[in-house]
N, C-alpha and C. Protein backbone atom coordinates (compact mmCIF):
# COMPACT_ATOMS: atom_id res chain seq x y z
N UNK A 1 -18.90 -54.29 22.48
CA UNK A 1 -18.05 -53.10 22.67
C UNK A 1 -16.67 -53.54 23.18
N UNK A 2 -15.65 -53.04 22.54
CA UNK A 2 -14.29 -53.44 22.93
C UNK A 2 -13.97 -52.92 24.32
N UNK A 3 -13.41 -53.78 25.14
CA UNK A 3 -13.05 -53.42 26.51
C UNK A 3 -11.85 -52.48 26.51
N UNK A 4 -11.90 -51.42 27.33
CA UNK A 4 -10.78 -50.49 27.41
C UNK A 4 -9.58 -51.19 28.01
N UNK A 5 -8.40 -50.96 27.45
CA UNK A 5 -7.18 -51.59 27.93
C UNK A 5 -6.73 -51.00 29.25
N UNK A 6 -7.10 -49.78 29.53
CA UNK A 6 -6.69 -49.13 30.76
C UNK A 6 -7.78 -48.16 31.19
N UNK A 7 -8.00 -48.06 32.48
CA UNK A 7 -9.12 -47.23 32.96
C UNK A 7 -8.96 -45.76 32.61
N UNK A 8 -7.71 -45.29 32.37
CA UNK A 8 -7.49 -43.89 32.01
C UNK A 8 -7.67 -43.59 30.54
N UNK A 9 -7.72 -44.67 29.71
CA UNK A 9 -7.76 -44.45 28.26
C UNK A 9 -9.01 -43.69 27.84
N UNK A 10 -10.16 -44.08 28.38
CA UNK A 10 -11.40 -43.41 28.01
C UNK A 10 -11.42 -41.97 28.42
N UNK A 11 -10.89 -41.68 29.61
CA UNK A 11 -10.86 -40.30 30.10
C UNK A 11 -9.97 -39.44 29.21
N UNK A 12 -8.80 -39.96 28.84
CA UNK A 12 -7.89 -39.21 27.96
C UNK A 12 -8.56 -38.92 26.62
N UNK A 13 -9.27 -39.92 26.10
CA UNK A 13 -9.95 -39.73 24.81
C UNK A 13 -11.03 -38.66 24.93
N UNK A 14 -11.75 -38.67 26.04
CA UNK A 14 -12.80 -37.66 26.22
C UNK A 14 -12.20 -36.26 26.29
N UNK A 15 -11.06 -36.13 26.98
CA UNK A 15 -10.39 -34.82 27.03
C UNK A 15 -10.04 -34.34 25.63
N UNK A 16 -9.46 -35.22 24.85
CA UNK A 16 -9.04 -34.84 23.50
C UNK A 16 -10.24 -34.53 22.61
N UNK A 17 -11.29 -35.32 22.74
CA UNK A 17 -12.50 -35.06 21.94
C UNK A 17 -13.12 -33.71 22.32
N UNK A 18 -13.13 -33.39 23.62
CA UNK A 18 -13.66 -32.09 24.07
C UNK A 18 -12.89 -30.95 23.42
N UNK A 19 -11.57 -31.09 23.41
CA UNK A 19 -10.74 -30.04 22.83
C UNK A 19 -11.02 -29.89 21.33
N UNK A 20 -11.08 -31.01 20.62
CA UNK A 20 -11.30 -30.96 19.18
C UNK A 20 -12.66 -30.38 18.83
N UNK A 21 -13.64 -30.60 19.69
CA UNK A 21 -14.99 -30.12 19.42
C UNK A 21 -15.19 -28.65 19.79
N UNK A 22 -14.59 -28.21 20.90
CA UNK A 22 -14.89 -26.84 21.36
C UNK A 22 -13.69 -26.06 21.85
N UNK A 23 -12.47 -26.54 21.60
CA UNK A 23 -11.29 -25.81 22.05
C UNK A 23 -11.13 -25.86 23.56
N UNK A 24 -10.39 -24.89 24.10
CA UNK A 24 -10.09 -24.89 25.53
C UNK A 24 -11.10 -24.11 26.37
N UNK A 25 -12.14 -23.59 25.73
CA UNK A 25 -13.08 -22.73 26.43
C UNK A 25 -13.64 -23.30 27.71
N UNK A 26 -13.98 -24.59 27.71
CA UNK A 26 -14.60 -25.18 28.90
C UNK A 26 -13.63 -25.90 29.81
N UNK A 27 -12.34 -25.80 29.53
CA UNK A 27 -11.34 -26.53 30.30
C UNK A 27 -10.94 -25.76 31.55
N UNK A 28 -10.80 -26.47 32.65
CA UNK A 28 -10.17 -25.91 33.84
C UNK A 28 -8.65 -25.94 33.63
N UNK A 29 -7.92 -25.13 34.40
CA UNK A 29 -6.47 -25.07 34.21
C UNK A 29 -5.80 -26.43 34.37
N UNK A 30 -6.21 -27.18 35.37
CA UNK A 30 -5.56 -28.47 35.58
C UNK A 30 -5.84 -29.43 34.42
N UNK A 31 -7.02 -29.27 33.78
CA UNK A 31 -7.35 -30.14 32.65
C UNK A 31 -6.47 -29.85 31.44
N UNK A 32 -6.05 -28.59 31.28
CA UNK A 32 -5.12 -28.26 30.20
C UNK A 32 -3.79 -28.94 30.43
N UNK A 33 -3.29 -28.87 31.67
CA UNK A 33 -2.03 -29.54 32.00
C UNK A 33 -2.19 -31.05 31.83
N UNK A 34 -3.32 -31.57 32.28
CA UNK A 34 -3.59 -33.00 32.14
C UNK A 34 -3.57 -33.43 30.67
N UNK A 35 -4.21 -32.63 29.81
CA UNK A 35 -4.23 -32.94 28.38
C UNK A 35 -2.82 -32.98 27.81
N UNK A 36 -1.98 -32.03 28.20
CA UNK A 36 -0.60 -32.00 27.71
C UNK A 36 0.21 -33.17 28.24
N UNK A 37 -0.05 -33.56 29.49
CA UNK A 37 0.67 -34.71 30.05
C UNK A 37 0.35 -36.00 29.30
N UNK A 38 -0.85 -36.11 28.77
CA UNK A 38 -1.21 -37.33 28.04
C UNK A 38 -0.41 -37.49 26.75
N UNK A 39 0.15 -36.39 26.23
CA UNK A 39 0.90 -36.47 24.98
C UNK A 39 2.21 -37.24 25.14
N UNK A 40 2.63 -37.43 26.40
CA UNK A 40 3.86 -38.19 26.64
C UNK A 40 3.68 -39.68 26.50
N UNK A 41 2.46 -40.13 26.24
CA UNK A 41 2.23 -41.55 26.02
C UNK A 41 2.01 -42.36 27.27
N UNK A 42 1.90 -41.69 28.43
CA UNK A 42 1.70 -42.43 29.68
C UNK A 42 0.33 -43.10 29.68
N UNK A 43 0.25 -44.32 30.24
CA UNK A 43 -1.02 -45.03 30.30
C UNK A 43 -1.77 -44.73 31.59
N UNK A 44 -1.11 -44.01 32.51
CA UNK A 44 -1.76 -43.75 33.80
C UNK A 44 -2.65 -42.51 33.73
N UNK A 45 -3.56 -42.42 34.67
CA UNK A 45 -4.41 -41.25 34.81
C UNK A 45 -3.55 -40.09 35.32
N UNK A 46 -3.58 -38.96 34.62
CA UNK A 46 -2.70 -37.82 34.95
C UNK A 46 -3.41 -36.72 35.72
N UNK A 47 -4.67 -36.94 36.10
CA UNK A 47 -5.45 -35.87 36.71
C UNK A 47 -4.81 -35.35 38.00
N UNK A 48 -4.42 -36.24 38.90
CA UNK A 48 -3.86 -35.81 40.18
C UNK A 48 -2.53 -35.08 40.00
N UNK A 49 -1.71 -35.57 39.07
CA UNK A 49 -0.43 -34.91 38.80
C UNK A 49 -0.66 -33.50 38.25
N UNK A 50 -1.66 -33.37 37.40
CA UNK A 50 -1.97 -32.06 36.83
C UNK A 50 -2.44 -31.10 37.91
N UNK A 51 -3.31 -31.57 38.80
CA UNK A 51 -3.78 -30.72 39.90
C UNK A 51 -2.63 -30.30 40.81
N UNK A 52 -1.71 -31.24 41.08
CA UNK A 52 -0.56 -30.92 41.92
C UNK A 52 0.35 -29.89 41.26
N UNK A 53 0.49 -29.99 39.94
CA UNK A 53 1.34 -29.03 39.22
C UNK A 53 0.77 -27.62 39.32
N UNK A 54 -0.55 -27.49 39.13
CA UNK A 54 -1.19 -26.18 39.25
C UNK A 54 -1.00 -25.63 40.66
N UNK A 55 -1.17 -26.49 41.66
CA UNK A 55 -1.03 -26.06 43.05
C UNK A 55 0.41 -25.69 43.39
N UNK A 56 1.35 -26.53 42.98
CA UNK A 56 2.77 -26.33 43.31
C UNK A 56 3.33 -25.05 42.70
N UNK A 57 2.94 -24.77 41.45
CA UNK A 57 3.53 -23.63 40.74
C UNK A 57 2.64 -22.39 40.75
N UNK A 58 1.47 -22.51 41.33
CA UNK A 58 0.62 -21.34 41.52
C UNK A 58 -0.14 -20.88 40.30
N UNK A 59 -0.50 -21.81 39.42
CA UNK A 59 -1.31 -21.41 38.27
C UNK A 59 -0.84 -22.05 36.98
N UNK A 60 -1.62 -21.87 35.93
CA UNK A 60 -1.35 -22.51 34.64
C UNK A 60 -0.05 -22.00 34.01
N UNK A 61 0.09 -20.69 33.95
CA UNK A 61 1.27 -20.12 33.28
C UNK A 61 2.56 -20.60 33.92
N UNK A 62 2.61 -20.56 35.25
CA UNK A 62 3.83 -21.00 35.94
C UNK A 62 4.08 -22.48 35.76
N UNK A 63 3.02 -23.27 35.73
CA UNK A 63 3.17 -24.72 35.51
C UNK A 63 3.74 -24.99 34.12
N UNK A 64 3.25 -24.26 33.11
CA UNK A 64 3.75 -24.46 31.76
C UNK A 64 5.19 -23.98 31.60
N UNK A 65 5.57 -22.99 32.39
CA UNK A 65 6.93 -22.44 32.30
C UNK A 65 7.93 -23.16 33.20
N UNK A 66 7.45 -24.06 34.05
CA UNK A 66 8.33 -24.69 35.06
C UNK A 66 9.43 -25.53 34.41
N UNK A 67 10.65 -25.48 34.96
CA UNK A 67 11.74 -26.30 34.44
C UNK A 67 11.43 -27.79 34.60
N UNK A 68 11.93 -28.63 33.69
CA UNK A 68 11.66 -30.07 33.74
C UNK A 68 12.01 -30.70 35.09
N UNK A 69 13.14 -30.29 35.67
CA UNK A 69 13.57 -30.91 36.93
C UNK A 69 12.60 -30.62 38.06
N UNK A 70 11.95 -29.45 38.02
CA UNK A 70 10.97 -29.13 39.06
C UNK A 70 9.65 -29.85 38.82
N UNK A 71 9.25 -30.00 37.56
CA UNK A 71 8.04 -30.75 37.25
C UNK A 71 8.17 -32.20 37.71
N UNK A 72 9.37 -32.75 37.55
CA UNK A 72 9.57 -34.15 37.88
C UNK A 72 9.67 -34.41 39.39
N UNK A 73 9.62 -33.34 40.17
CA UNK A 73 9.53 -33.53 41.62
C UNK A 73 8.14 -33.98 42.04
N UNK A 74 7.17 -33.84 41.15
CA UNK A 74 5.81 -34.30 41.42
C UNK A 74 5.74 -35.80 41.14
N UNK A 75 5.32 -36.55 42.10
CA UNK A 75 5.25 -38.01 41.97
C UNK A 75 4.34 -38.38 40.80
N UNK A 76 4.88 -39.22 39.92
CA UNK A 76 4.10 -39.66 38.76
C UNK A 76 4.42 -38.91 37.48
N UNK A 77 5.18 -37.81 37.59
CA UNK A 77 5.60 -37.08 36.39
C UNK A 77 7.08 -37.40 36.14
N UNK A 78 7.33 -38.07 35.03
CA UNK A 78 8.70 -38.43 34.67
C UNK A 78 9.13 -37.75 33.39
N UNK A 79 10.31 -38.12 32.88
CA UNK A 79 10.83 -37.49 31.66
C UNK A 79 9.88 -37.59 30.47
N UNK A 80 9.18 -38.73 30.35
CA UNK A 80 8.24 -38.89 29.23
C UNK A 80 6.99 -38.04 29.42
N UNK A 81 6.53 -37.94 30.67
CA UNK A 81 5.28 -37.23 30.95
C UNK A 81 5.34 -35.76 30.55
N UNK A 82 6.52 -35.14 30.71
CA UNK A 82 6.62 -33.70 30.47
C UNK A 82 6.78 -33.36 28.99
N UNK A 83 6.81 -34.39 28.14
CA UNK A 83 6.99 -34.14 26.71
C UNK A 83 5.98 -33.12 26.17
N UNK A 84 4.69 -33.33 26.48
CA UNK A 84 3.65 -32.44 25.96
C UNK A 84 3.79 -31.02 26.45
N UNK A 85 4.17 -30.85 27.73
CA UNK A 85 4.33 -29.51 28.30
C UNK A 85 5.47 -28.77 27.62
N UNK A 86 6.59 -29.46 27.44
CA UNK A 86 7.75 -28.82 26.82
C UNK A 86 7.54 -28.59 25.33
N UNK A 87 6.80 -29.51 24.68
CA UNK A 87 6.48 -29.32 23.26
C UNK A 87 5.62 -28.08 23.08
N UNK A 88 4.60 -27.94 23.93
CA UNK A 88 3.73 -26.76 23.87
C UNK A 88 4.56 -25.48 24.04
N UNK A 89 5.46 -25.49 25.01
CA UNK A 89 6.29 -24.32 25.29
C UNK A 89 7.13 -23.95 24.07
N UNK A 90 7.78 -24.95 23.47
CA UNK A 90 8.66 -24.70 22.33
C UNK A 90 7.87 -24.21 21.12
N UNK A 91 6.72 -24.82 20.87
CA UNK A 91 5.91 -24.41 19.72
C UNK A 91 5.37 -23.00 19.92
N UNK A 92 4.98 -22.67 21.16
CA UNK A 92 4.46 -21.33 21.44
C UNK A 92 5.52 -20.27 21.15
N UNK A 93 6.76 -20.55 21.56
CA UNK A 93 7.85 -19.59 21.32
C UNK A 93 8.11 -19.43 19.82
N UNK A 94 8.15 -20.56 19.11
CA UNK A 94 8.40 -20.49 17.66
C UNK A 94 7.27 -19.75 16.94
N UNK A 95 6.05 -20.06 17.33
CA UNK A 95 4.89 -19.43 16.71
C UNK A 95 4.90 -17.92 16.93
N UNK A 96 5.21 -17.51 18.17
CA UNK A 96 5.22 -16.08 18.49
C UNK A 96 6.27 -15.35 17.67
N UNK A 97 7.44 -15.96 17.52
CA UNK A 97 8.52 -15.32 16.78
C UNK A 97 8.16 -15.17 15.31
N UNK A 98 7.52 -16.19 14.74
CA UNK A 98 7.21 -16.14 13.32
C UNK A 98 5.99 -15.28 13.03
N UNK A 99 5.09 -15.15 14.00
CA UNK A 99 3.88 -14.36 13.80
C UNK A 99 4.18 -12.87 13.83
N UNK A 100 5.17 -12.48 14.66
CA UNK A 100 5.50 -11.06 14.80
C UNK A 100 6.12 -10.53 13.50
N UNK A 101 5.62 -9.42 13.05
CA UNK A 101 6.13 -8.79 11.84
C UNK A 101 7.58 -8.34 12.05
N UNK A 102 8.30 -8.26 10.95
CA UNK A 102 9.68 -7.78 11.02
C UNK A 102 9.73 -6.35 11.54
N UNK A 103 8.74 -5.55 11.17
CA UNK A 103 8.67 -4.18 11.69
C UNK A 103 7.66 -4.14 12.82
N UNK A 104 8.17 -4.17 14.03
CA UNK A 104 7.31 -4.20 15.20
C UNK A 104 7.18 -2.79 15.75
N UNK A 105 5.98 -2.24 15.81
CA UNK A 105 5.82 -0.89 16.36
C UNK A 105 5.94 -0.91 17.89
N UNK A 106 6.92 -0.19 18.39
CA UNK A 106 7.12 -0.10 19.85
C UNK A 106 6.80 1.33 20.27
N UNK A 107 5.51 1.62 20.27
CA UNK A 107 5.06 2.99 20.48
C UNK A 107 4.57 3.26 21.90
N UNK A 108 4.66 2.27 22.77
CA UNK A 108 4.23 2.47 24.16
C UNK A 108 5.04 1.56 25.06
N UNK A 109 5.18 1.91 26.35
CA UNK A 109 5.89 1.03 27.28
C UNK A 109 5.29 -0.37 27.33
N UNK A 110 3.96 -0.47 27.24
CA UNK A 110 3.32 -1.79 27.27
C UNK A 110 3.73 -2.63 26.07
N UNK A 111 3.81 -2.02 24.89
CA UNK A 111 4.22 -2.75 23.69
C UNK A 111 5.64 -3.29 23.85
N UNK A 112 6.51 -2.47 24.44
CA UNK A 112 7.89 -2.92 24.68
C UNK A 112 7.91 -4.06 25.68
N UNK A 113 7.15 -3.92 26.76
CA UNK A 113 7.12 -4.95 27.80
C UNK A 113 6.59 -6.28 27.24
N UNK A 114 5.54 -6.20 26.43
CA UNK A 114 4.97 -7.41 25.83
C UNK A 114 5.98 -8.09 24.92
N UNK A 115 6.70 -7.30 24.14
CA UNK A 115 7.72 -7.85 23.25
C UNK A 115 8.83 -8.52 24.04
N UNK A 116 9.28 -7.85 25.10
CA UNK A 116 10.40 -8.38 25.89
C UNK A 116 10.02 -9.64 26.66
N UNK A 117 8.77 -9.75 27.06
CA UNK A 117 8.36 -10.98 27.77
C UNK A 117 8.47 -12.19 26.86
N UNK A 118 8.23 -12.00 25.57
CA UNK A 118 8.41 -13.08 24.62
C UNK A 118 9.89 -13.45 24.51
N UNK A 119 10.73 -12.44 24.58
CA UNK A 119 12.16 -12.65 24.38
C UNK A 119 12.88 -13.13 25.64
N UNK A 120 12.49 -12.58 26.79
CA UNK A 120 13.25 -12.80 28.02
C UNK A 120 12.43 -13.45 29.14
N UNK A 121 11.24 -13.89 28.82
CA UNK A 121 10.29 -14.32 29.86
C UNK A 121 10.80 -15.34 30.85
N UNK A 122 11.63 -16.28 30.41
CA UNK A 122 12.09 -17.33 31.33
C UNK A 122 13.58 -17.24 31.66
N UNK A 123 14.21 -16.13 31.33
CA UNK A 123 15.62 -15.98 31.64
C UNK A 123 15.83 -15.93 33.15
N UNK A 124 16.85 -16.65 33.62
CA UNK A 124 17.15 -16.70 35.05
C UNK A 124 18.10 -15.59 35.49
N UNK A 125 18.72 -14.90 34.51
CA UNK A 125 19.63 -13.80 34.81
C UNK A 125 19.11 -12.52 34.16
N UNK A 126 19.60 -11.40 34.65
CA UNK A 126 19.22 -10.13 34.04
C UNK A 126 19.88 -10.00 32.67
N UNK A 127 19.09 -9.62 31.68
CA UNK A 127 19.59 -9.36 30.34
C UNK A 127 19.32 -7.89 30.00
N UNK A 128 20.36 -7.18 29.63
CA UNK A 128 20.21 -5.78 29.24
C UNK A 128 20.15 -5.73 27.72
N UNK A 129 19.09 -5.14 27.20
CA UNK A 129 18.79 -5.17 25.77
C UNK A 129 18.70 -3.76 25.22
N UNK A 130 19.19 -3.58 24.00
CA UNK A 130 18.97 -2.33 23.29
C UNK A 130 18.06 -2.62 22.11
N UNK A 131 17.02 -1.79 21.98
CA UNK A 131 16.07 -1.90 20.87
C UNK A 131 16.29 -0.70 19.96
N UNK A 132 16.78 -0.96 18.77
CA UNK A 132 17.05 0.12 17.81
C UNK A 132 15.80 0.37 16.97
N UNK A 133 15.41 1.64 16.88
CA UNK A 133 14.15 2.01 16.24
C UNK A 133 14.38 2.91 15.02
N UNK A 134 13.44 2.83 14.07
CA UNK A 134 13.48 3.78 12.95
C UNK A 134 12.73 5.05 13.34
N UNK A 135 12.54 5.94 12.39
CA UNK A 135 11.93 7.25 12.71
C UNK A 135 10.46 7.14 13.11
N UNK A 136 9.83 5.98 12.84
CA UNK A 136 8.43 5.77 13.23
C UNK A 136 8.29 4.86 14.44
N UNK A 137 9.38 4.67 15.14
CA UNK A 137 9.42 3.82 16.33
C UNK A 137 9.13 2.35 16.04
N UNK A 138 9.43 1.92 14.81
CA UNK A 138 9.40 0.50 14.49
C UNK A 138 10.74 -0.13 14.85
N UNK A 139 10.69 -1.33 15.37
CA UNK A 139 11.92 -2.02 15.74
C UNK A 139 12.71 -2.41 14.50
N UNK A 140 13.97 -2.02 14.47
CA UNK A 140 14.88 -2.42 13.40
C UNK A 140 15.66 -3.65 13.83
N UNK A 141 16.15 -3.60 15.07
CA UNK A 141 17.03 -4.66 15.55
C UNK A 141 17.01 -4.64 17.07
N UNK A 142 17.14 -5.83 17.66
CA UNK A 142 17.37 -5.87 19.11
C UNK A 142 18.66 -6.63 19.37
N UNK A 143 19.29 -6.30 20.46
CA UNK A 143 20.56 -6.96 20.80
C UNK A 143 20.72 -6.99 22.31
N UNK A 144 21.24 -8.11 22.81
CA UNK A 144 21.56 -8.23 24.23
C UNK A 144 22.97 -7.68 24.44
N UNK A 145 23.07 -6.67 25.29
CA UNK A 145 24.36 -6.01 25.53
C UNK A 145 25.12 -6.68 26.66
N UNK A 146 24.40 -7.10 27.70
CA UNK A 146 25.09 -7.77 28.82
C UNK A 146 24.13 -8.71 29.52
N UNK A 147 24.72 -9.70 30.18
CA UNK A 147 23.94 -10.70 30.93
C UNK A 147 24.53 -10.78 32.33
N UNK A 148 23.68 -10.73 33.34
CA UNK A 148 24.13 -10.79 34.73
C UNK A 148 23.61 -9.60 35.49
N UNK A 149 23.86 -9.59 36.78
CA UNK A 149 23.40 -8.48 37.63
C UNK A 149 23.95 -7.17 37.10
N UNK A 150 23.09 -6.22 36.83
CA UNK A 150 23.51 -5.00 36.15
C UNK A 150 24.22 -4.03 37.08
N UNK A 151 25.29 -3.46 36.56
CA UNK A 151 25.92 -2.30 37.19
C UNK A 151 26.55 -1.46 36.09
N UNK A 152 27.02 -0.30 36.47
CA UNK A 152 27.52 0.65 35.47
C UNK A 152 28.74 0.13 34.74
N UNK A 153 29.49 -0.79 35.34
CA UNK A 153 30.66 -1.34 34.67
C UNK A 153 30.29 -2.34 33.58
N UNK A 154 29.19 -3.06 33.79
CA UNK A 154 28.77 -4.06 32.81
C UNK A 154 28.09 -3.43 31.61
N UNK A 155 27.33 -2.35 31.84
CA UNK A 155 26.60 -1.71 30.75
C UNK A 155 27.36 -0.44 30.35
N UNK A 156 28.19 -0.58 29.33
CA UNK A 156 29.02 0.55 28.91
C UNK A 156 28.38 1.24 27.71
N UNK A 157 28.30 2.57 27.70
CA UNK A 157 27.70 3.29 26.57
C UNK A 157 28.29 2.90 25.22
N UNK A 158 29.58 2.58 25.20
CA UNK A 158 30.23 2.21 23.94
C UNK A 158 29.54 1.01 23.29
N UNK A 159 29.24 -0.02 24.11
CA UNK A 159 28.60 -1.22 23.57
C UNK A 159 27.16 -0.95 23.17
N UNK A 160 26.48 -0.15 23.97
CA UNK A 160 25.07 0.16 23.69
C UNK A 160 24.94 0.91 22.38
N UNK A 161 25.72 1.97 22.21
CA UNK A 161 25.54 2.81 21.04
C UNK A 161 26.21 2.24 19.79
N UNK A 162 27.13 1.31 19.96
CA UNK A 162 27.68 0.60 18.80
C UNK A 162 26.56 -0.14 18.07
N UNK A 163 25.69 -0.79 18.84
CA UNK A 163 24.55 -1.50 18.24
C UNK A 163 23.62 -0.54 17.51
N UNK A 164 23.38 0.61 18.12
CA UNK A 164 22.47 1.60 17.52
C UNK A 164 23.06 2.18 16.23
N UNK A 165 24.35 2.45 16.23
CA UNK A 165 25.02 3.00 15.04
C UNK A 165 25.01 1.98 13.92
N UNK A 166 25.32 0.71 14.27
CA UNK A 166 25.33 -0.35 13.25
C UNK A 166 23.95 -0.52 12.62
N UNK A 167 22.90 -0.32 13.42
CA UNK A 167 21.52 -0.47 12.91
C UNK A 167 21.00 0.80 12.26
N UNK A 168 21.80 1.89 12.30
CA UNK A 168 21.38 3.19 11.79
C UNK A 168 20.07 3.63 12.42
N UNK A 169 20.02 3.50 13.71
CA UNK A 169 18.80 3.80 14.47
C UNK A 169 18.55 5.29 14.57
N UNK A 170 17.28 5.67 14.48
CA UNK A 170 16.90 7.06 14.73
C UNK A 170 16.84 7.33 16.22
N UNK A 171 16.47 6.32 17.00
CA UNK A 171 16.43 6.41 18.45
C UNK A 171 16.48 4.99 19.01
N UNK A 172 16.59 4.90 20.33
CA UNK A 172 16.67 3.57 20.93
C UNK A 172 15.83 3.52 22.21
N UNK A 173 15.46 2.33 22.57
CA UNK A 173 14.91 2.04 23.89
C UNK A 173 15.83 1.03 24.53
N UNK A 174 16.23 1.27 25.75
CA UNK A 174 17.00 0.26 26.48
C UNK A 174 16.05 -0.42 27.47
N UNK A 175 16.36 -1.63 27.79
CA UNK A 175 15.45 -2.39 28.63
C UNK A 175 16.20 -3.54 29.29
N UNK A 176 15.65 -4.01 30.39
CA UNK A 176 16.17 -5.25 30.98
C UNK A 176 15.09 -5.91 31.82
N UNK A 177 15.30 -7.17 32.10
CA UNK A 177 14.35 -7.95 32.89
C UNK A 177 14.83 -8.07 34.32
N UNK A 178 13.90 -8.25 35.24
CA UNK A 178 14.20 -8.58 36.62
C UNK A 178 13.67 -10.00 36.88
N UNK A 179 14.54 -11.00 36.88
CA UNK A 179 14.08 -12.39 37.08
C UNK A 179 13.34 -12.60 38.40
N UNK A 180 13.60 -11.73 39.38
CA UNK A 180 12.89 -11.84 40.66
C UNK A 180 11.40 -11.61 40.50
N UNK A 181 11.01 -10.95 39.40
CA UNK A 181 9.61 -10.65 39.16
C UNK A 181 9.22 -9.23 39.55
N UNK A 182 10.03 -8.57 40.35
CA UNK A 182 9.74 -7.21 40.82
C UNK A 182 10.34 -6.21 39.84
N UNK A 183 9.52 -5.33 39.30
CA UNK A 183 10.01 -4.37 38.30
C UNK A 183 10.50 -3.05 38.90
N UNK A 184 10.56 -2.95 40.21
CA UNK A 184 11.04 -1.73 40.87
C UNK A 184 12.50 -1.47 40.49
N UNK A 185 12.84 -0.25 40.02
CA UNK A 185 14.22 0.02 39.61
C UNK A 185 15.17 0.08 40.81
N UNK A 186 16.37 -0.43 40.60
CA UNK A 186 17.41 -0.35 41.63
C UNK A 186 18.18 0.95 41.45
N UNK A 187 19.04 1.24 42.40
CA UNK A 187 19.88 2.44 42.30
C UNK A 187 20.79 2.35 41.09
N UNK A 188 21.33 1.14 40.83
CA UNK A 188 22.17 0.95 39.63
C UNK A 188 21.38 1.19 38.36
N UNK A 189 20.12 0.78 38.33
CA UNK A 189 19.28 1.01 37.15
C UNK A 189 19.17 2.50 36.84
N UNK A 190 19.01 3.30 37.89
CA UNK A 190 18.88 4.74 37.71
C UNK A 190 20.19 5.36 37.24
N UNK A 191 21.30 4.92 37.83
CA UNK A 191 22.62 5.43 37.44
C UNK A 191 22.91 5.11 35.98
N UNK A 192 22.66 3.86 35.59
CA UNK A 192 22.89 3.43 34.21
C UNK A 192 22.06 4.26 33.24
N UNK A 193 20.81 4.47 33.57
CA UNK A 193 19.90 5.22 32.69
C UNK A 193 20.41 6.64 32.46
N UNK A 194 20.75 7.33 33.53
CA UNK A 194 21.22 8.71 33.40
C UNK A 194 22.52 8.79 32.60
N UNK A 195 23.37 7.81 32.81
CA UNK A 195 24.65 7.77 32.10
C UNK A 195 24.42 7.58 30.60
N UNK A 196 23.51 6.68 30.24
CA UNK A 196 23.23 6.42 28.83
C UNK A 196 22.53 7.59 28.16
N UNK A 197 21.65 8.26 28.89
CA UNK A 197 20.96 9.43 28.33
C UNK A 197 21.97 10.51 27.98
N UNK A 198 22.92 10.77 28.87
CA UNK A 198 23.95 11.78 28.62
C UNK A 198 24.83 11.39 27.44
N UNK A 199 25.20 10.10 27.37
CA UNK A 199 26.01 9.62 26.24
C UNK A 199 25.24 9.74 24.94
N UNK A 200 23.93 9.47 24.99
CA UNK A 200 23.10 9.57 23.80
C UNK A 200 23.04 10.98 23.25
N UNK A 201 23.02 11.96 24.14
CA UNK A 201 23.01 13.36 23.70
C UNK A 201 24.28 13.69 22.94
N UNK A 202 25.40 13.17 23.42
CA UNK A 202 26.68 13.41 22.74
C UNK A 202 26.71 12.72 21.39
N UNK A 203 26.15 11.50 21.32
CA UNK A 203 26.16 10.71 20.09
C UNK A 203 25.08 11.15 19.10
N UNK A 204 24.13 11.94 19.58
CA UNK A 204 23.02 12.35 18.71
C UNK A 204 21.98 11.26 18.52
N UNK A 205 21.91 10.34 19.48
CA UNK A 205 20.92 9.25 19.42
C UNK A 205 20.08 9.33 20.69
N UNK A 206 18.80 9.57 20.54
CA UNK A 206 17.93 9.75 21.70
C UNK A 206 17.55 8.41 22.33
N UNK A 207 17.59 8.37 23.65
CA UNK A 207 17.06 7.22 24.39
C UNK A 207 15.62 7.53 24.73
N UNK A 208 14.70 6.84 24.09
CA UNK A 208 13.28 7.11 24.29
C UNK A 208 12.79 6.68 25.67
N UNK A 209 13.35 5.58 26.17
CA UNK A 209 12.86 5.05 27.44
C UNK A 209 13.81 3.97 27.93
N UNK A 210 13.68 3.65 29.20
CA UNK A 210 14.31 2.46 29.78
C UNK A 210 13.17 1.69 30.45
N UNK A 211 12.90 0.50 29.92
CA UNK A 211 11.81 -0.33 30.41
C UNK A 211 12.38 -1.47 31.26
N UNK A 212 11.83 -1.64 32.44
CA UNK A 212 12.20 -2.76 33.31
C UNK A 212 11.01 -3.72 33.35
N UNK A 213 11.27 -4.97 33.00
CA UNK A 213 10.19 -5.95 32.89
C UNK A 213 10.29 -6.96 34.03
N UNK A 214 9.21 -7.05 34.82
CA UNK A 214 9.09 -8.09 35.83
C UNK A 214 8.23 -9.21 35.30
N UNK A 215 7.80 -10.07 36.17
CA UNK A 215 7.02 -11.24 35.73
C UNK A 215 5.66 -10.82 35.19
N UNK A 216 4.98 -9.95 35.90
CA UNK A 216 3.65 -9.51 35.45
C UNK A 216 3.53 -7.99 35.39
N UNK A 217 4.59 -7.28 35.77
CA UNK A 217 4.55 -5.82 35.77
C UNK A 217 5.74 -5.27 34.98
N UNK A 218 5.70 -3.98 34.72
CA UNK A 218 6.83 -3.32 34.08
C UNK A 218 6.90 -1.89 34.58
N UNK A 219 8.06 -1.26 34.41
CA UNK A 219 8.24 0.15 34.77
C UNK A 219 8.85 0.89 33.59
N UNK A 220 8.34 2.07 33.34
CA UNK A 220 8.91 2.97 32.34
C UNK A 220 9.63 4.08 33.09
N UNK A 221 10.96 4.15 32.93
CA UNK A 221 11.71 5.19 33.64
C UNK A 221 11.47 6.57 33.02
N UNK A 222 10.98 6.60 31.79
CA UNK A 222 10.58 7.89 31.21
C UNK A 222 9.31 8.37 31.93
N UNK A 223 8.36 7.48 32.08
CA UNK A 223 7.12 7.83 32.77
C UNK A 223 7.39 8.21 34.21
N UNK A 224 8.42 7.58 34.82
CA UNK A 224 8.79 7.89 36.20
C UNK A 224 9.55 9.20 36.33
N UNK A 225 9.92 9.80 35.18
CA UNK A 225 10.61 11.09 35.22
C UNK A 225 12.12 10.99 35.28
N UNK A 226 12.68 9.79 35.13
CA UNK A 226 14.13 9.61 35.19
C UNK A 226 14.76 10.09 33.88
N UNK A 227 14.04 9.91 32.78
CA UNK A 227 14.52 10.36 31.46
C UNK A 227 13.77 11.64 31.08
């Protein structure tokens, strides 16, 4: 039997064989990170680094979303090691975009929130988005109207409804993310919403909702009675 060149080689092979045979069903979260770290070509055992990543970032999702510079703060994880993690992230985003149909039904606040998490999930700043819909509430077009901390001066009805008119929208949903993770609306959020609703009445374009997306939660200002 050929002698293993490195003590971690057999373990890495077993991880990969497990995945090929039965998928991720039996994997612990740290083992998923460990498997991705092995794609960087490192000859060292990545188990401890993977466990530290899960602990440091508070779970699998946060570890996979972590910026490269923060991942590399873990001893033993270098630029090459994070290749697999970043490759997985990039492929997931591309796959999600191509899998989604051109006509996306946005018929509930949850559907809007799920769509926006794909689009804005890792943004570090607030992005204000207009979603232009057809008469069946299918998405025609989305557009980012402003980036940065929202206030009434940054989000002007002229820019919002220009996008809707260009898309020949029957109605629109406006939305933005809260990078802090908290989806609670601010006073500016409420002011902006009321201002856009009034402008929409004048333009003859209904604002169906204003969705605020946090990390794991969302708020519908229509459901809250603001619209």
